[in-house]
Amino acid sequence: MSKTWDAVVVGAGLSGLTAARRLSEAGRDVLVLEGRDRVGGRTLSRRLGSDVIDLGGQWIGPTQRRVARLADELGVRTFPQPCDGDKVLDLGGRRRTYGGDVPSVGLLGLAETQLALWRLDRLARRVPLHAPWRTPGAEALDGQTLEDWMRRHLRTAGGRGLLAIATRAIFAVEPSELSLLHFLFYLRSGGGLMRLAQVRGGAQERRFVGGAQQLSERLAERVEVRLGHTLRAVTQTEDDVRLHCDAGDVVARRVILAIPPALADRVDFAQPLPAMRDQLLQRVPMGSVIKCVAVYDRPFWRERGLSGEAVSDRGPVRLTFDDSAHDGSQHALVGFLLGETARAWTGRDPDARRRAVLESLAALFGPEARAPTEYADQDWITEELSAGCYVGVMPPGVMTTVGHALREPCGRLHWAGTETATTWNGYLDGAIEAGERAAEELV
């Protein structure tokens, strides 16, 4: 006869492991199931050259207090993201550099961009974090895309281009794919558009020495984790839940599903979920991103007075940062293929993609970028147990119709994952908040 656990957590990312540790500390007999051969979910750290690089989530910023406390507790140090020097803007076929927080796109474009930022942050302040569907005028906001709003409020090509670049950088989707209400909720959740986009004082301010995946690896040492247990089906009764996995069945009194809605939609629920939850799972796709790291024998961009940060609206690489080691022992750039560009390159010949990425970096920083000493990339779209990155996003009409089902338990099933967070939704800090909240529901 199989053992019945007090609780089983599905997903050994930061959210699931946080929930499992809280339940274990509360005296519950808890097990974590993970389909991959590793823990960490959408964080992935690996050695490249002489340093450990991150091919998944990697940054921590101000007000992300949960992840800061966890890193301190687990002995994972952080260091400042290198950002000294000018940034590169490649927009509308023209490459230029700038030194401030907002790129210069002409006097009119700059003024329009500043006004748009003010308007969006003012709208975002009206969004209740625990119930964004109750925002004044929610249906009108949710019935349009961010691109719809941009067309009405941004007249210059520079203003539209900058907001489109920011959207891809933050969500890994196109403005046409994103509900304006969801966009505003995300801004409120993270403290405003500039905080989400910036390095100094923003969400990209610091990195983890040794990589972000360490957080999950060290948490996993404190709970029981079974790898290679991809969840395929769930059978729920009045007394327990049976989880049907590739490696065998597991029985629990309560279950926390710490996986994105898009992955939960692949699970066969023998007892149908409530209609609104079922609809929700079908309508929250993941963002599209391919992340690339190129290592060089010297930081040639710094020699040109550049920080390594760049944004672009052409070429496969749309966003870059300096990805050098904390102690200066290795020099690297990290680039992102985002939204439609990531989808155009996913699953294609790795050598062809590498050449295209390096050509993009060369256009941004100089010909030396074509000759890295090491190179690695991660196509998150092809990851079966991620289905994309960074986070699940809501197209128009989802938040106001089925958004209320996001955190509601379904019988003995509870929901975690950063998509269910109210603060820092989509980030490591949000993943921890969601895990803590789900554990408290069971306790």
Protein backbone atom coordinates (compact mmCIF):
# COMPACT_ATOMS: atom_id res chain seq x y z
CA MET A 1 0.00 0.00 0.00
CA SER A 2 1.46 3.37 -1.02
CA LYS A 3 2.18 6.04 1.56
CA THR A 4 -0.19 8.99 1.85
CA TRP A 5 1.73 12.22 2.31
CA ASP A 6 0.30 15.17 4.19
CA ALA A 7 1.21 17.34 1.21
CA VAL A 8 2.87 16.97 -2.15
CA VAL A 9 4.27 19.95 -4.01
CA VAL A 10 4.54 19.69 -7.80
CA GLY A 11 7.43 21.75 -9.13
CA ALA A 12 10.90 22.16 -7.59
CA GLY A 13 11.38 25.77 -8.55
CA LEU A 14 11.76 28.51 -5.98
CA SER A 15 8.00 28.73 -5.35
CA GLY A 16 7.45 25.01 -4.83
CA LEU A 17 10.51 24.56 -2.63
CA THR A 18 9.54 27.56 -0.51
CA ALA A 19 6.09 26.03 0.04
CA ALA A 20 7.57 22.65 0.87
CA ARG A 21 9.99 24.09 3.42
CA ARG A 22 7.21 26.06 5.14
CA LEU A 23 5.04 22.95 5.35
CA SER A 24 7.94 20.88 6.66
CA GLU A 25 8.69 23.49 9.32
CA ALA A 26 5.01 23.34 10.32
CA GLY A 27 5.36 19.63 10.98
CA ARG A 28 3.80 18.34 7.78
CA ASP A 29 5.07 15.26 5.97
CA VAL A 30 5.83 16.77 2.57
CA LEU A 31 7.27 15.59 -0.74
CA VAL A 32 8.31 17.61 -3.81
CA LEU A 33 7.90 16.14 -7.29
CA GLU A 34 9.91 17.53 -10.22
CA GLY A 35 9.77 16.38 -13.82
CA ARG A 36 13.26 17.61 -14.70
CA ASP A 37 16.54 16.02 -13.66
CA ARG A 38 17.32 19.14 -11.62
CA VAL A 39 15.72 21.64 -9.28
CA GLY A 40 15.45 25.36 -9.98
CA GLY A 41 12.61 25.67 -12.48
CA ARG A 42 13.17 28.81 -14.55
CA THR A 43 16.56 29.44 -12.97
CA LEU A 44 19.44 27.57 -14.58
CA SER A 45 23.09 28.14 -13.66
CA ARG A 46 26.00 26.40 -15.34
CA ARG A 47 29.76 26.80 -15.64
CA LEU A 48 30.95 28.51 -18.79
CA GLY A 49 34.64 29.26 -19.02
CA SER A 50 35.92 30.17 -15.55
CA ASP A 51 32.61 31.47 -14.15
CA VAL A 52 29.09 30.26 -13.38
CA ILE A 53 26.57 31.97 -15.64
CA ASP A 54 22.79 32.14 -15.51
CA LEU A 55 20.75 30.99 -18.48
CA GLY A 56 17.50 31.63 -16.60
CA GLY A 57 16.42 34.18 -13.99
CA GLN A 58 19.40 35.96 -12.48
CA TRP A 59 18.71 39.38 -10.95
CA ILE A 60 17.56 40.85 -7.65
CA GLY A 61 16.53 44.45 -7.06
CA PRO A 62 15.39 46.87 -4.34
CA THR A 63 12.19 45.99 -2.41
CA GLN A 64 12.60 42.30 -3.32
CA ARG A 65 12.88 41.58 0.37
CA ARG A 66 11.81 37.94 0.36
CA VAL A 67 14.51 36.77 -2.00
CA ALA A 68 17.08 39.01 -0.29
CA ARG A 69 16.28 37.40 3.08
CA LEU A 70 16.43 33.93 1.57
CA ALA A 71 19.79 34.55 -0.09
CA ASP A 72 21.19 35.87 3.18
CA GLU A 73 19.85 32.88 5.11
CA LEU A 74 21.27 30.39 2.60
CA GLY A 75 24.62 32.13 2.38
CA VAL A 76 24.30 33.15 -1.27
CA ARG A 77 26.08 36.45 -1.83
CA THR A 78 25.10 39.11 -4.36
CA PHE A 79 27.09 41.71 -6.26
CA PRO A 80 26.22 44.83 -8.28
CA GLN A 81 25.31 44.40 -11.93
CA PRO A 82 28.08 46.16 -13.93
CA CYS A 83 26.53 49.23 -15.52
CA ASP A 84 29.14 52.01 -15.68
CA GLY A 85 29.36 53.70 -19.05
CA ASP A 86 27.02 54.68 -21.86
CA LYS A 87 24.18 52.50 -23.12
CA VAL A 88 23.42 51.66 -26.72
CA LEU A 89 20.09 52.31 -28.43
CA ASP A 90 19.55 50.80 -31.88
CA LEU A 91 16.15 52.09 -33.00
CA GLY A 92 14.66 52.76 -36.40
CA GLY A 93 17.84 51.78 -38.22
CA ARG A 94 20.03 54.20 -36.27
CA ARG A 95 22.54 53.30 -33.56
CA ARG A 96 23.31 55.86 -30.87
CA THR A 97 24.55 55.97 -27.27
CA TYR A 98 23.11 57.69 -24.22
CA GLY A 99 23.95 58.13 -20.58
CA GLY A 100 20.65 58.58 -18.74
CA ASP A 101 17.80 56.27 -17.80
CA VAL A 102 15.58 57.18 -20.77
CA PRO A 103 17.11 57.06 -24.27
CA SER A 104 17.06 60.27 -26.30
CA VAL A 105 14.80 59.94 -29.34
CA GLY A 106 14.51 63.62 -30.17
CA LEU A 107 12.95 66.34 -28.06
CA LEU A 108 9.36 65.53 -29.04
CA GLY A 109 9.85 61.78 -28.68
CA LEU A 110 11.53 62.19 -25.30
CA ALA A 111 8.77 64.45 -23.99
CA GLU A 112 6.12 62.06 -25.27
CA THR A 113 7.87 59.09 -23.66
CA GLN A 114 8.11 60.83 -20.30
CA LEU A 115 4.42 61.73 -20.47
CA ALA A 116 3.51 58.13 -21.38
CA LEU A 117 5.51 56.80 -18.41
CA TRP A 118 3.69 59.21 -16.10
CA ARG A 119 0.28 58.22 -17.49
CA LEU A 120 0.97 54.50 -17.22
CA ASP A 121 2.27 54.71 -13.67
CA ARG A 122 -0.74 56.84 -12.68
CA LEU A 123 -3.09 54.22 -14.15
CA ALA A 124 -1.14 51.42 -12.45
CA ARG A 125 -1.55 53.02 -9.02
CA ARG A 126 -5.32 52.43 -9.30
CA VAL A 127 -4.92 48.64 -9.66
CA PRO A 128 -5.69 46.60 -6.48
CA LEU A 129 -2.92 44.02 -6.29
CA HIS A 130 -5.08 41.26 -4.79
CA ALA A 131 -7.96 41.86 -7.21
CA PRO A 132 -6.86 43.70 -10.37
CA TRP A 133 -10.21 42.81 -11.99
CA ARG A 134 -11.77 45.34 -9.59
CA THR A 135 -9.77 48.24 -11.00
CA PRO A 136 -12.01 51.20 -11.93
CA GLY A 137 -12.78 50.76 -15.62
CA ALA A 138 -11.30 47.26 -15.56
CA GLU A 139 -13.27 45.89 -18.50
CA ALA A 140 -12.26 48.75 -20.77
CA LEU A 141 -8.61 48.40 -19.74
CA ASP A 142 -8.70 44.63 -20.15
CA GLY A 143 -10.50 44.82 -23.48
CA GLN A 144 -7.52 46.44 -25.20
CA THR A 145 -3.91 45.55 -25.79
CA LEU A 146 -0.98 47.66 -24.78
CA GLU A 147 -0.42 48.31 -28.47
CA ASP A 148 -3.94 49.75 -28.74
CA TRP A 149 -3.06 52.21 -25.97
CA MET A 150 0.26 53.07 -27.62
CA ARG A 151 -1.45 53.92 -30.90
CA ARG A 152 -3.72 56.39 -29.17
CA HIS A 153 -1.18 58.04 -26.88
CA LEU A 154 2.15 57.83 -28.71
CA ARG A 155 2.43 59.78 -31.97
CA THR A 156 6.16 59.57 -32.58
CA ALA A 157 7.93 56.50 -33.91
CA GLY A 158 10.59 56.93 -31.22
CA GLY A 159 8.05 56.92 -28.38
CA ARG A 160 6.28 53.83 -29.72
CA GLY A 161 9.58 52.10 -30.35
CA LEU A 162 10.87 52.68 -26.82
CA LEU A 163 7.73 51.36 -25.13
CA ALA A 164 7.69 48.32 -27.44
CA ILE A 165 11.32 47.60 -26.54
CA ALA A 166 10.55 47.93 -22.83
CA THR A 167 7.58 45.57 -23.18
CA ARG A 168 9.66 42.89 -24.86
CA ALA A 169 12.42 43.28 -22.29
CA ILE A 170 10.07 42.95 -19.30
CA PHE A 171 7.50 40.42 -20.58
CA ALA A 172 9.16 38.66 -23.57
CA VAL A 173 6.00 39.30 -25.63
CA GLU A 174 4.88 41.87 -28.16
CA PRO A 175 2.68 44.83 -27.06
CA SER A 176 -0.09 43.40 -29.30
CA GLU A 177 -0.20 40.22 -27.19
CA LEU A 178 -0.64 41.82 -23.77
CA SER A 179 -3.75 43.11 -22.01
CA LEU A 180 -3.35 46.71 -20.88
CA LEU A 181 -4.85 45.77 -17.50
CA HIS A 182 -2.33 42.96 -17.03
CA PHE A 183 0.46 45.36 -18.02
CA LEU A 184 -0.72 47.88 -15.41
CA PHE A 185 -1.01 45.19 -12.72
CA TYR A 186 2.55 44.08 -13.46
CA LEU A 187 3.80 47.65 -13.16
CA ARG A 188 2.05 48.08 -9.81
CA SER A 189 3.31 44.71 -8.61
CA GLY A 190 6.94 45.64 -9.31
CA GLY A 191 6.87 49.31 -8.34
CA GLY A 192 6.53 51.04 -11.71
CA LEU A 193 7.86 50.78 -15.24
CA MET A 194 11.21 52.43 -14.55
CA ARG A 195 11.92 50.16 -11.60
CA LEU A 196 11.22 47.13 -13.79
CA ALA A 197 13.46 48.43 -16.58
CA GLN A 198 16.42 49.94 -14.72
CA VAL A 199 19.68 48.54 -13.39
CA ARG A 200 20.55 51.06 -10.65
CA GLY A 201 17.57 51.19 -8.32
CA GLY A 202 15.75 48.67 -10.49
CA ALA A 203 14.99 45.00 -10.96
CA GLN A 204 18.40 44.30 -12.56
CA GLU A 205 20.48 45.93 -9.83
CA ARG A 206 22.34 42.88 -8.44
CA ARG A 207 23.26 39.30 -9.34
CA PHE A 208 24.03 36.18 -7.33
CA VAL A 209 27.62 35.04 -6.90
CA GLY A 210 27.59 31.49 -8.22
CA GLY A 211 24.21 31.81 -9.92
CA ALA A 212 20.55 32.08 -8.94
CA GLN A 213 19.88 28.33 -9.14
CA GLN A 214 21.79 27.92 -5.87
CA LEU A 215 18.75 29.24 -4.01
CA SER A 216 16.69 26.25 -5.11
CA GLU A 217 19.56 23.79 -4.75
CA ARG A 218 20.13 24.78 -1.13
CA LEU A 219 16.42 24.78 -0.31
CA ALA A 220 16.14 21.30 -1.82
CA GLU A 221 18.62 20.02 0.76
CA ARG A 222 16.00 20.67 3.46
CA VAL A 223 13.07 18.74 1.96
CA GLU A 224 12.54 15.46 0.14
CA VAL A 225 12.62 15.91 -3.64
CA ARG A 226 12.03 13.27 -6.31
CA LEU A 227 13.33 14.18 -9.76
CA GLY A 228 12.09 12.67 -13.02
CA HIS A 229 8.47 12.72 -11.81
CA THR A 230 6.60 14.56 -14.57
CA LEU A 231 2.95 14.93 -13.58
CA ARG A 232 0.58 13.54 -16.20
CA ALA A 233 -2.76 13.15 -14.44
CA VAL A 234 -4.56 13.92 -11.17
CA THR A 235 -7.35 11.96 -9.52
CA GLN A 236 -9.03 13.71 -6.61
CA THR A 237 -11.40 12.15 -4.05
CA GLU A 238 -13.02 13.46 -0.87
CA ASP A 239 -10.10 12.10 1.15
CA ASP A 240 -6.96 12.42 -0.96
CA VAL A 241 -5.33 13.17 -4.29
CA ARG A 242 -3.53 10.63 -6.49
CA LEU A 243 -0.81 12.05 -8.72
CA HIS A 244 0.03 9.95 -11.77
CA CYS A 245 3.65 10.55 -12.78
CA ASP A 246 6.02 8.98 -15.30
CA ALA A 247 7.92 7.32 -12.46
CA GLY A 248 4.84 6.08 -10.56
CA ASP A 249 1.86 7.26 -8.54
CA VAL A 250 2.00 9.36 -5.38
CA VAL A 251 -0.88 9.93 -2.93
CA ALA A 252 -1.35 13.03 -0.76
CA ARG A 253 -3.99 14.66 1.39
CA ARG A 254 -3.31 18.04 -0.21
CA VAL A 255 -1.39 19.13 -3.29
CA ILE A 256 0.27 22.40 -4.28
CA LEU A 257 0.78 22.85 -8.02
CA ALA A 258 3.74 25.24 -8.28
CA ILE A 259 3.83 25.30 -12.07
CA PRO A 260 2.76 27.90 -14.66
CA PRO A 261 -0.84 27.78 -15.92
CA ALA A 262 0.37 26.73 -19.38
CA LEU A 263 1.94 23.58 -17.89
CA ALA A 264 -0.99 22.83 -15.61
CA ASP A 265 -3.19 22.87 -18.72
CA ARG A 266 -1.31 19.79 -19.97
CA VAL A 267 -2.28 17.74 -16.91
CA ASP A 268 -5.26 15.38 -17.22
CA PHE A 269 -7.60 16.16 -14.31
CA ALA A 270 -9.87 13.14 -13.98
CA GLN A 271 -12.37 15.23 -12.03
CA PRO A 272 -12.93 18.38 -14.10
CA LEU A 273 -11.66 21.61 -12.59
CA PRO A 274 -14.09 24.46 -12.00
CA ALA A 275 -14.95 26.01 -15.36
CA MET A 276 -13.25 29.33 -14.62
CA ARG A 277 -10.01 27.63 -13.54
CA ASP A 278 -10.09 25.44 -16.64
CA GLN A 279 -10.57 28.51 -18.84
CA LEU A 280 -7.74 30.30 -17.06
CA LEU A 281 -5.27 27.48 -17.69
CA GLN A 282 -6.03 27.62 -21.42
CA ARG A 283 -5.62 31.36 -21.75
CA VAL A 284 -2.32 32.31 -20.03
CA PRO A 285 0.52 31.61 -22.48
CA MET A 286 4.19 31.93 -21.60
CA GLY A 287 6.51 34.60 -22.90
CA SER A 288 9.06 33.71 -25.59
CA VAL A 289 12.77 34.07 -24.89
CA ILE A 290 16.13 32.64 -25.91
CA LYS A 291 18.98 33.72 -23.65
CA CYS A 292 22.59 33.81 -24.88
CA VAL A 293 25.93 34.37 -23.14
CA ALA A 294 29.18 35.14 -24.98
CA VAL A 295 32.52 35.15 -23.12
CA TYR A 296 35.46 37.30 -24.30
CA ASP A 297 39.13 37.59 -23.46
CA ARG A 298 38.70 41.28 -22.64
CA PRO A 299 35.80 43.72 -22.02
CA PHE A 300 36.19 45.63 -25.29
CA TRP A 301 32.85 47.42 -24.80
CA ARG A 302 34.19 49.06 -21.65
CA GLU A 303 37.22 50.24 -23.61
CA ARG A 304 34.75 52.19 -25.76
CA GLY A 305 33.08 53.70 -22.70
CA LEU A 306 30.04 51.39 -22.93
CA SER A 307 28.27 49.65 -20.08
CA GLY A 308 27.27 46.55 -22.05
CA GLU A 309 23.58 47.48 -21.80
CA ALA A 310 21.82 47.84 -25.14
CA VAL A 311 18.31 47.73 -26.56
CA SER A 312 17.40 47.24 -30.19
CA ASP A 313 14.41 46.85 -32.49
CA ARG A 314 16.24 44.85 -35.17
CA GLY A 315 18.38 41.75 -35.41
CA PRO A 316 17.79 38.70 -33.28
CA VAL A 317 19.24 40.23 -30.06
CA ARG A 318 16.90 42.86 -28.60
CA LEU A 319 18.43 43.37 -25.14
CA THR A 320 21.91 42.97 -23.64
CA PHE A 321 23.79 43.46 -20.38
CA ASP A 322 27.35 43.05 -19.17
CA ASP A 323 27.49 39.51 -17.75
CA SER A 324 31.03 39.56 -16.40
CA ALA A 325 32.11 37.69 -13.27
CA HIS A 326 31.79 39.37 -9.87
CA ASP A 327 35.58 39.36 -9.35
CA GLY A 328 36.55 40.45 -12.86
CA SER A 329 37.99 37.04 -13.71
CA GLN A 330 35.80 36.65 -16.79
CA HIS A 331 34.22 39.10 -19.23
CA ALA A 332 30.92 38.37 -20.94
CA LEU A 333 27.82 39.80 -22.56
CA VAL A 334 24.34 38.36 -22.14
CA GLY A 335 21.77 38.82 -24.89
CA PHE A 336 18.06 38.10 -25.18
CA LEU A 337 15.95 37.09 -28.17
CA LEU A 338 12.46 38.20 -27.20
CA GLY A 339 8.88 37.83 -28.37
CA GLU A 340 8.47 37.44 -32.13
CA THR A 341 12.25 37.29 -32.64
CA ALA A 342 12.61 34.39 -30.20
CA ARG A 343 9.79 32.56 -31.96
CA ALA A 344 11.49 33.14 -35.31
CA TRP A 345 14.70 31.48 -34.06
CA THR A 346 13.41 28.75 -31.75
CA GLY A 347 14.34 25.22 -32.71
CA ARG A 348 16.58 26.36 -35.57
CA ASP A 349 20.13 25.23 -36.28
CA PRO A 350 22.21 26.16 -33.20
CA ASP A 351 25.23 27.19 -35.28
CA ALA A 352 23.16 29.50 -37.47
CA ARG A 353 21.56 31.06 -34.41
CA ARG A 354 24.97 31.53 -32.78
CA ARG A 355 26.28 33.34 -35.86
CA ALA A 356 23.23 35.59 -35.99
CA VAL A 357 23.51 36.42 -32.28
CA LEU A 358 27.19 37.30 -32.61
CA GLU A 359 26.46 39.50 -35.64
CA SER A 360 23.88 41.35 -33.54
CA LEU A 361 26.39 41.84 -30.74
CA ALA A 362 28.96 43.08 -33.24
CA ALA A 363 26.50 45.64 -34.61
CA LEU A 364 25.92 46.91 -31.08
CA PHE A 365 29.43 46.78 -29.61
CA GLY A 366 32.03 46.26 -32.34
CA PRO A 367 33.61 43.51 -34.47
CA GLU A 368 35.35 41.87 -31.49
CA ALA A 369 31.94 40.49 -30.49
CA ARG A 370 32.11 38.00 -33.37
CA ALA A 371 34.92 36.02 -31.71
CA PRO A 372 33.95 34.84 -28.19
CA THR A 373 36.09 32.34 -26.34
CA GLU A 374 32.95 30.60 -25.04
CA TYR A 375 29.28 30.69 -25.98
CA ALA A 376 26.06 29.17 -24.62
CA ASP A 377 22.36 29.74 -25.13
CA GLN A 378 19.09 28.45 -23.74
CA ASP A 379 15.96 28.18 -25.86
CA TRP A 380 13.22 28.29 -23.23
CA ILE A 381 10.46 27.88 -25.80
CA THR A 382 11.57 24.31 -26.50
CA GLU A 383 11.77 23.40 -22.81
CA GLU A 384 8.95 20.89 -22.30
CA LEU A 385 8.63 21.71 -18.60
CA SER A 386 8.74 25.48 -19.07
CA ALA A 387 6.94 26.08 -22.38
CA GLY A 388 8.57 29.49 -22.46
CA CYS A 389 9.81 32.25 -20.16
CA TYR A 390 9.88 34.49 -18.24
CA VAL A 391 6.30 34.21 -17.02
CA GLY A 392 2.71 33.51 -18.03
CA VAL A 393 1.01 36.62 -19.44
CA MET A 394 -2.63 37.54 -19.91
CA PRO A 395 -4.00 38.61 -23.29
CA PRO A 396 -7.07 40.88 -23.45
CA GLY A 397 -10.20 39.67 -21.70
CA VAL A 398 -8.59 37.15 -19.36
CA MET A 399 -8.06 39.14 -16.18
CA THR A 400 -11.64 40.42 -15.87
CA THR A 401 -13.35 37.14 -16.82
CA VAL A 402 -11.30 34.38 -15.17
CA GLY A 403 -8.51 36.19 -13.30
CA HIS A 404 -10.28 35.71 -9.97
CA ALA A 405 -9.63 31.94 -10.26
CA LEU A 406 -5.85 32.38 -10.25
CA ARG A 407 -5.31 31.60 -6.55
CA GLU A 408 -8.59 29.88 -5.62
CA PRO A 409 -8.08 26.27 -4.39
CA CYS A 410 -9.86 23.53 -6.33
CA GLY A 411 -10.88 21.02 -3.68
CA ARG A 412 -7.59 19.60 -2.37
CA LEU A 413 -5.53 21.33 -5.06
CA HIS A 414 -3.76 24.62 -4.30
CA TRP A 415 -1.81 26.89 -6.63
CA ALA A 416 1.62 28.54 -6.37
CA GLY A 417 4.19 29.81 -8.87
CA THR A 418 5.21 33.39 -9.51
CA GLU A 419 2.17 33.89 -11.78
CA THR A 420 -0.01 33.82 -8.64
CA ALA A 421 1.99 36.46 -6.72
CA THR A 422 0.64 39.90 -5.91
CA THR A 423 4.00 41.67 -5.42
CA TRP A 424 6.87 41.17 -7.84
CA ASN A 425 4.71 38.95 -9.97
CA GLY A 426 6.90 37.15 -12.52
CA TYR A 427 10.11 37.50 -10.48
CA LEU A 428 11.98 35.34 -7.96
CA ASP A 429 10.55 37.40 -5.13
CA GLY A 430 7.02 36.75 -6.39
CA ALA A 431 7.73 33.03 -6.58
CA ILE A 432 8.65 33.02 -2.89
CA GLU A 433 5.56 35.04 -1.94
CA ALA A 434 3.34 32.58 -3.82
CA GLY A 435 4.96 29.57 -2.16
CA GLU A 436 4.51 31.09 1.28
CA ARG A 437 0.86 31.90 0.60
CA ALA A 438 0.05 28.42 -0.72
CA ALA A 439 1.72 26.78 2.30
CA GLU A 440 -0.31 28.93 4.67
CA GLU A 441 -3.52 27.77 2.97
CA LEU A 442 -2.65 24.19 3.85
CA VAL A 443 -1.43 24.93 7.36
